[in-house]
Amino acid sequence: MEYIRFSLLFALVHTGAYLVAGLLAYRISHDLYQGDNRLLDFLKNMADKSENARVARWSLPLQLLRGLLLSIVLYPILGMLGDLPFGLRFVFLASLMFIYTDFASAIPFPHNIEGFIYMKDRYLKKNAFWKLQFEMIIFSLIFGLVSGWILF
């Protein structure tokens, strides 16, 4: 029961942090995601109503699923995490999200290590790097704070 509760809360915290960070970041980065000349032209065009509707329809359920999957990996160290003081839990969980799910991810994107290695130069524009980093830093901080406080 402890694992189920942890996973459900983890998924909710993950999804909430993801949505808040995404909404905040979209205000400064919408040019990356919409229009025919958007930098991230390999992603759905958020200016296209049908593509935007598909993203809106699938985002919540799939982020919840993603949160559930991410939570399972932490099962072996739940006891240890619970014994840590809040500050260390925050640092660990925020760093885990930032490093593992983003900066050191195996999927190339304009703001991570794999992207720097494998993406074409047109995708590696400096403003895209910082706009995308803003979103992930905000996500990681929100996730680390809320999960470090609520989950343990």
Protein backbone atom coordinates (compact mmCIF):
# COMPACT_ATOMS: atom_id res chain seq x y z
CA MET A 1 0.00 0.00 0.00
CA GLU A 2 2.91 2.34 0.76
CA TYR A 3 4.24 1.90 -2.78
CA ILE A 4 0.86 2.54 -4.38
CA ARG A 5 0.36 5.71 -2.32
CA PHE A 6 3.89 6.87 -3.16
CA SER A 7 3.41 6.23 -6.89
CA LEU A 8 0.04 7.98 -7.04
CA LEU A 9 1.33 11.04 -5.19
CA PHE A 10 4.54 11.04 -7.22
CA ALA A 11 2.54 10.96 -10.47
CA LEU A 12 0.35 13.83 -9.30
CA VAL A 13 3.31 15.95 -8.17
CA HIS A 14 5.21 15.20 -11.38
CA THR A 15 2.24 16.07 -13.58
CA GLY A 16 1.41 19.23 -11.65
CA ALA A 17 5.01 20.47 -11.71
CA TYR A 18 5.28 19.60 -15.41
CA LEU A 19 2.12 21.52 -16.29
CA VAL A 20 2.99 24.59 -14.20
CA ALA A 21 6.54 24.76 -15.56
CA GLY A 22 5.28 24.24 -19.10
CA LEU A 23 2.68 26.98 -18.81
CA LEU A 24 5.23 29.43 -17.37
CA ALA A 25 7.87 28.56 -19.95
CA TYR A 26 5.43 28.71 -22.86
CA ARG A 27 5.04 32.44 -22.22
CA ILE A 28 8.70 32.98 -23.21
CA SER A 29 9.13 30.09 -25.62
CA HIS A 30 5.94 29.88 -27.70
CA ASP A 31 8.02 30.86 -30.75
CA LEU A 32 9.77 27.50 -30.45
CA TYR A 33 6.50 25.56 -30.67
CA GLN A 34 4.16 27.36 -33.02
CA GLY A 35 4.10 28.63 -36.58
CA ASP A 36 5.62 27.43 -39.80
CA ASN A 37 9.02 28.92 -38.90
CA ARG A 38 9.21 27.50 -35.36
CA LEU A 39 12.60 26.20 -34.32
CA LEU A 40 11.27 22.90 -33.00
CA ASP A 41 9.64 21.99 -36.31
CA PHE A 42 9.91 18.29 -35.52
CA LEU A 43 7.28 18.74 -32.78
CA LYS A 44 3.56 19.33 -33.21
CA ASN A 45 2.66 22.88 -34.23
CA MET A 46 0.75 24.42 -31.33
CA ALA A 47 -0.76 27.01 -33.71
CA ASP A 48 -2.53 24.19 -35.57
CA LYS A 49 -5.85 23.56 -33.81
CA SER A 50 -5.94 19.82 -34.50
CA GLU A 51 -2.33 19.25 -33.41
CA ASN A 52 -2.86 21.40 -30.33
CA ALA A 53 -6.04 19.46 -29.49
CA ARG A 54 -4.16 16.15 -29.73
CA VAL A 55 -1.48 17.43 -27.36
CA ALA A 56 -4.15 18.70 -24.95
CA ARG A 57 -6.02 15.38 -25.07
CA TRP A 58 -2.99 13.16 -24.39
CA SER A 59 -0.79 15.34 -22.21
CA LEU A 60 -2.47 14.76 -18.85
CA PRO A 61 -2.99 10.98 -19.02
CA LEU A 62 0.46 10.32 -20.46
CA GLN A 63 2.23 12.57 -17.95
CA LEU A 64 0.43 10.70 -15.16
CA LEU A 65 1.66 7.43 -16.69
CA ARG A 66 5.15 8.87 -16.99
CA GLY A 67 5.04 9.86 -13.31
CA LEU A 68 3.96 6.36 -12.31
CA LEU A 69 6.82 4.82 -14.27
CA LEU A 70 9.36 7.25 -12.83
CA SER A 71 8.15 6.49 -9.30
CA ILE A 72 8.76 2.74 -9.60
CA VAL A 73 12.49 3.26 -10.05
CA LEU A 74 12.68 4.82 -6.59
CA TYR A 75 11.07 1.89 -4.73
CA PRO A 76 14.38 0.35 -3.58
CA ILE A 77 15.50 3.60 -1.92
CA LEU A 78 12.22 4.89 -0.46
CA GLY A 79 13.28 4.16 3.12
CA MET A 80 16.59 5.93 2.66
CA LEU A 81 14.91 8.95 1.08
CA GLY A 82 12.44 9.14 3.94
CA ASP A 83 15.32 9.26 6.42
CA LEU A 84 16.99 12.23 4.73
CA PRO A 85 16.33 15.77 5.97
CA PHE A 86 14.07 17.84 3.73
CA GLY A 87 16.95 19.85 2.21
CA LEU A 88 18.77 16.75 1.00
CA ARG A 89 15.54 15.19 -0.32
CA PHE A 90 14.85 18.39 -2.24
CA VAL A 91 18.33 18.49 -3.75
CA PHE A 92 18.24 14.79 -4.63
CA LEU A 93 14.77 14.81 -6.20
CA ALA A 94 15.24 18.10 -8.08
CA SER A 95 18.64 16.94 -9.36
CA LEU A 96 17.26 13.55 -10.31
CA MET A 97 14.57 15.15 -12.45
CA PHE A 98 16.89 17.70 -14.01
CA ILE A 99 19.81 15.38 -14.74
CA TYR A 100 18.13 12.06 -15.52
CA THR A 101 14.98 13.20 -17.28
CA ASP A 102 16.52 16.15 -19.07
CA PHE A 103 20.11 17.27 -19.27
CA ALA A 104 21.67 13.79 -19.48
CA SER A 105 18.72 12.21 -21.29
CA ALA A 106 19.52 9.78 -24.08
CA ILE A 107 17.08 11.56 -26.42
CA PRO A 108 18.66 14.46 -28.36
CA PHE A 109 17.04 17.86 -27.80
CA PRO A 110 18.45 21.38 -28.25
CA HIS A 111 19.26 21.82 -24.57
CA ASN A 112 20.87 18.55 -23.54
CA ILE A 113 24.13 16.70 -24.04
CA GLU A 114 22.82 14.30 -26.69
CA GLY A 115 21.37 17.23 -28.63
CA PHE A 116 24.71 19.00 -28.58
CA ILE A 117 26.31 15.89 -30.08
CA TYR A 118 23.69 14.78 -32.62
CA MET A 119 21.40 17.65 -33.59
CA LYS A 120 21.88 19.85 -36.62
CA ASP A 121 23.21 23.32 -35.89
CA ARG A 122 19.93 25.02 -36.80
CA TYR A 123 18.32 23.43 -33.72
CA LEU A 124 21.12 24.44 -31.36
CA LYS A 125 20.39 28.13 -31.20
CA LYS A 126 21.38 29.80 -27.95
CA ASN A 127 17.95 31.27 -27.23
CA ALA A 128 16.35 27.82 -27.57
CA PHE A 129 18.86 26.37 -25.13
CA TRP A 130 18.04 28.90 -22.42
CA LYS A 131 14.29 28.93 -23.04
CA LEU A 132 14.17 25.14 -22.71
CA GLN A 133 16.49 25.15 -19.69
CA PHE A 134 14.16 27.64 -17.97
CA GLU A 135 11.29 25.17 -18.24
CA MET A 136 13.29 22.24 -16.93
CA ILE A 137 14.84 24.18 -14.06
CA ILE A 138 11.41 25.44 -12.98
CA PHE A 139 9.99 21.91 -13.28
CA SER A 140 12.86 20.38 -11.30
CA LEU A 141 12.64 22.98 -8.52
CA ILE A 142 8.86 22.66 -8.17
CA PHE A 143 9.07 18.89 -8.28
CA GLY A 144 11.92 18.74 -5.75
CA LEU A 145 10.22 21.10 -3.31
CA VAL A 146 6.76 19.55 -3.43
CA SER A 147 7.83 15.91 -3.61
CA GLY A 148 10.47 16.34 -0.91
CA TRP A 149 7.78 17.78 1.37
CA ILE A 150 4.70 15.67 0.52
CA LEU A 151 6.01 12.23 -0.43
CA PHE A 152 7.95 11.44 2.74
